[in-house]
Every structure is written in structure tokens, then in C-alpha cells.
Protein backbone atom coordinates (compact mmCIF):
# COMPACT_ATOMS: atom_id res chain seq x y z
CA UNK A 1 -0.29 0.13 -0.16
CA UNK A 2 2.92 2.80 1.25
CA UNK A 3 5.06 1.10 -1.92
CA UNK A 4 2.03 2.44 -4.48
CA UNK A 5 1.69 6.01 -2.31
CA UNK A 6 5.06 6.76 -2.75
CA UNK A 7 4.78 6.46 -6.54
CA UNK A 8 1.96 8.71 -6.64
CA UNK A 9 3.46 11.35 -4.14
CA UNK A 10 6.22 11.04 -7.15
CA UNK A 11 3.98 11.92 -9.84
CA UNK A 12 1.96 14.32 -7.48
CA UNK A 13 5.39 16.31 -6.65
CA UNK A 14 6.39 16.08 -10.13
CA UNK A 15 3.18 17.42 -11.76
CA UNK A 16 2.89 20.44 -9.22
CA UNK A 17 6.41 21.61 -9.68
CA UNK A 18 6.30 21.26 -13.53
CA UNK A 19 7.60 24.35 -15.06
CA UNK A 20 9.59 25.42 -11.73
CA UNK A 21 13.12 25.85 -12.16
CA UNK A 22 15.32 26.61 -9.75
CA UNK A 23 16.98 30.07 -8.85
CA UNK A 24 20.58 29.37 -10.72
CA UNK A 25 21.30 30.66 -13.97
CA UNK A 26 20.87 26.97 -16.10
CA UNK A 27 17.35 26.88 -15.65
CA UNK A 28 17.46 23.36 -13.20
CA UNK A 29 13.97 21.70 -13.23
CA UNK A 30 12.88 22.38 -9.44
CA UNK A 31 11.53 18.70 -9.63
CA UNK A 32 15.46 18.12 -9.60
CA UNK A 33 15.62 19.60 -6.17
CA UNK A 34 12.43 17.05 -4.93
CA UNK A 35 14.53 14.24 -6.17
CA UNK A 36 17.77 15.32 -3.97
CA UNK A 37 16.14 15.62 -1.35
CA UNK A 38 14.33 12.27 -1.43
CA UNK A 39 17.89 10.76 -2.29
CA UNK A 40 19.82 12.28 0.31
CA UNK A 41 16.71 10.83 3.23
CA UNK A 42 17.20 7.55 1.76
CA UNK A 43 21.24 7.25 2.19
CA UNK A 44 21.18 9.06 5.73
CA UNK A 45 21.81 6.98 8.32
CA UNK A 46 18.43 7.03 10.06
CA UNK A 47 15.98 4.40 10.02
CA UNK A 48 13.46 5.33 7.15
CA UNK A 49 10.13 4.56 6.66
CA UNK A 50 7.77 5.10 4.00
CA UNK A 51 6.24 8.22 5.39
CA UNK A 52 9.65 9.93 5.31
CA UNK A 53 9.66 9.16 1.61
CA UNK A 54 6.41 10.47 0.64
CA UNK A 55 6.75 13.71 2.66
CA UNK A 56 10.39 14.76 1.25
CA UNK A 57 8.52 14.51 -2.30
CA UNK A 58 5.55 16.52 -0.97
CA UNK A 59 7.80 18.99 1.21
CA UNK A 60 7.65 21.83 -1.07
CA UNK A 61 4.27 21.16 -2.87
CA UNK A 62 1.71 23.50 -0.20
CA UNK A 63 4.37 26.18 -0.23
CA UNK A 64 5.50 26.80 -3.46
CA UNK A 65 2.61 25.13 -5.56
CA UNK A 66 -0.69 25.60 -3.78
CA UNK A 67 -1.30 22.53 -3.39
CA UNK A 68 -4.00 22.63 0.12
CA UNK A 69 -3.93 20.34 3.08
CA UNK A 70 -6.36 18.80 1.88
CA UNK A 71 -5.72 17.31 -0.94
CA UNK A 72 -2.70 15.73 0.86
CA UNK A 73 -4.44 14.42 3.51
CA UNK A 74 -6.98 12.42 1.26
CA UNK A 75 -4.25 11.49 -1.20
CA UNK A 76 -1.76 10.51 1.95
CA UNK A 77 -3.17 10.42 4.73
CA UNK A 78 -2.98 12.54 8.53
CA UNK A 79 0.59 11.57 9.25
CA UNK A 80 2.10 12.50 5.92
CA UNK A 81 -0.42 16.11 6.13
CA UNK A 82 1.15 16.93 9.27
CA UNK A 83 5.02 16.01 8.76
CA UNK A 84 4.66 18.46 5.22
CA UNK A 85 2.80 21.14 7.44
CA UNK A 86 6.01 20.62 9.68
CA UNK A 87 7.84 21.68 6.60
CA UNK A 88 6.07 24.16 5.49
CA UNK A 89 6.98 27.91 5.46
CA UNK A 90 4.14 30.27 6.82
CA UNK A 91 1.84 31.82 3.96
CA UNK A 92 2.68 35.69 3.65
CA UNK A 93 5.97 36.55 5.16
CA UNK A 94 8.41 38.71 3.97
CA UNK A 95 11.84 36.86 3.45
CA UNK A 96 13.24 38.28 6.60
CA UNK A 97 10.22 36.68 8.67
CA UNK A 98 10.28 33.36 6.66
CA UNK A 99 14.08 32.60 7.90
CA UNK A 100 13.45 34.07 11.13
CA UNK A 101 10.40 31.12 11.38
CA UNK A 102 12.29 28.96 10.21
CA UNK A 103 15.00 28.91 12.64
CA UNK A 104 12.29 29.19 15.34
CA UNK A 105 10.20 26.06 14.11
CA UNK A 106 13.76 23.94 13.47
CA UNK A 107 13.68 23.71 17.37
CA UNK A 108 10.45 21.70 17.55
CA UNK A 109 10.85 19.40 14.30
CA UNK A 110 9.66 15.74 14.98
CA UNK A 111 12.95 13.54 14.26
CA UNK A 112 11.55 12.50 10.55
CA UNK A 113 11.01 16.43 9.83
CA UNK A 114 14.62 17.39 11.16
CA UNK A 115 15.89 14.79 8.31
CA UNK A 116 14.01 15.77 5.71
CA UNK A 117 15.26 19.64 6.47
CA UNK A 118 18.68 19.00 6.77
CA UNK A 119 18.77 17.06 3.29
CA UNK A 120 16.78 20.10 2.09
CA UNK A 121 19.62 22.45 3.08
CA UNK A 122 22.12 20.47 1.75
CA UNK A 123 20.38 20.21 -1.63
CA UNK A 124 19.67 24.15 -1.60
CA UNK A 125 23.22 24.29 -0.43
CA UNK A 126 24.96 22.47 -3.10
CA UNK A 127 22.85 24.19 -5.97
CA UNK A 128 23.91 27.17 -4.52
CA UNK A 129 27.37 25.89 -4.90
CA UNK A 130 27.00 24.84 -8.64
CA UNK A 131 24.74 26.99 -10.13
CA UNK A 132 24.21 30.76 -7.67
CA UNK A 133 21.34 32.81 -8.85
CA UNK A 134 23.32 35.37 -11.15
CA UNK A 135 21.53 38.10 -8.95
CA UNK A 136 22.78 37.22 -5.44
CA UNK A 137 25.77 38.99 -4.00
CA UNK A 138 28.63 37.72 -2.02
CA UNK A 139 26.36 39.22 0.73
CA UNK A 140 23.68 37.38 0.29
CA UNK A 141 25.09 34.08 -0.42
CA UNK A 142 27.21 34.38 2.95
CA UNK A 143 24.33 35.14 4.80
CA UNK A 144 22.26 32.02 3.06
CA UNK A 145 25.05 30.14 4.29
CA UNK A 146 24.45 31.27 7.71
CA UNK A 147 20.93 31.12 7.74
CA UNK A 148 21.24 27.39 6.57
CA UNK A 149 23.62 27.06 9.58
CA UNK A 150 21.51 28.48 12.39
CA UNK A 151 18.34 26.56 10.89
CA UNK A 152 20.44 23.64 10.96
CA UNK A 153 21.90 23.82 14.72
CA UNK A 154 18.73 24.37 16.18
CA UNK A 155 17.19 21.28 14.63
CA UNK A 156 16.73 18.65 17.49
CA UNK A 157 17.71 15.34 15.43
CA UNK A 158 21.05 15.76 13.78
CA UNK A 159 21.47 12.81 10.80
CA UNK A 160 25.47 12.11 11.48
CA UNK A 161 26.10 10.78 7.66
CA UNK A 162 24.13 13.81 6.34
CA UNK A 163 25.96 16.77 9.16
CA UNK A 164 29.22 15.66 7.49
CA UNK A 165 27.85 16.28 4.22
CA UNK A 166 26.46 19.75 5.45
CA UNK A 167 29.56 20.59 6.92
CA UNK A 168 31.20 19.87 3.67
CA UNK A 169 29.42 22.09 1.58
CA UNK A 170 29.20 24.49 4.05
CA UNK A 171 33.29 24.62 4.48
CA UNK A 172 32.89 24.24 0.34
CA UNK A 173 30.50 27.44 -0.26
CA UNK A 174 32.76 29.13 2.48
CA UNK A 175 36.43 28.18 0.73
CA UNK A 176 35.06 29.18 -2.77
CA UNK A 177 33.83 32.69 -1.62
CA UNK A 178 37.09 33.65 0.41
CA UNK A 179 38.33 33.22 -2.96
CA UNK A 180 36.96 35.57 -5.00
């Protein structure tokens, strides 16, 4: 049953993110980020269940693509919608409020949400390393890294395998920025 829901989650997210691209210069389809987050969750050393994989596919559909709580609950159930909501930023916030809210929300995330959030931050930072938004200044990139580190530092659960990768990409970004 749950294996079928993973396929449905994949298709749902792929359809919802269709036409959306990453912020970088290369025009990478946003769904690539979703697949990266799922892949990172799968390689973590944390015991995984199908619900975490499903929620990883869906982690941005409410925030970015206006899927509703009801849609997700009807398709995937109460536990999944709760996990997706932990990952969803509050609507109608400024960028500064959104970042501040994520830092605070990280402190009370469940273990499953912490794992997805860590994978999400790794994917975003790796994308920033390989394909930064052309309009971002060096200061904006530094601020983004620092913000990502604050969010991750506040997570109540940190998978050790993913933390090594997170620390590595932060180091690589800072090294790249210091050489520019």
C-alpha cells in the first residue's frame, strides 16, 4: 500500500512542480531538488519509513505550488500532511520573517521533519555552490549559508551521515567565497 503511495507522491510532486525552475542561472527544473532531497533522506543513516519518503517528495508542494492540506490528507493521510506542514513556511511573510520563522520552527521539529529539513538544506546549498542565482551578491550568499547553518543547528535531530555532507558543503562554499 505505502509503496504505491510513494509512486503517487512522486507523480503528484512532479506534476505540481512542472515548469518551476531553480533560482540558479542554468534553469534546472525544480523537481530535481525534490529528487535530491529524497535521495539524501534515503542515504541517511537514520531508520527510514515510507512516510518520510512520501513527505520528502511533498515537502514543497504546499508552500511553492499551492497544494492544499485537504488534498494531501485525502491522498496520503493525516501523518503525511502533518509532516509536510512541519516543512511548510507560513504564507505571506517577508523573506526576513520566513528565515526567522524557520530558525525558530527547527527547534521543535520531529525527528522525521528534522531529517527532511537537513536534506533540504544540503540540496539548496549544493545547488548554491554549483549554480548560484546570478543576481545574488556575495553577501547574500554568505547570509544564506549562515541562515542555513542556524536552521540546522536548531534541529533537535541531526543525522550524522548527512551532517558530514552539510558541513562539507558549507566549508566548500565558504572556501569558494573567500577565494573570490
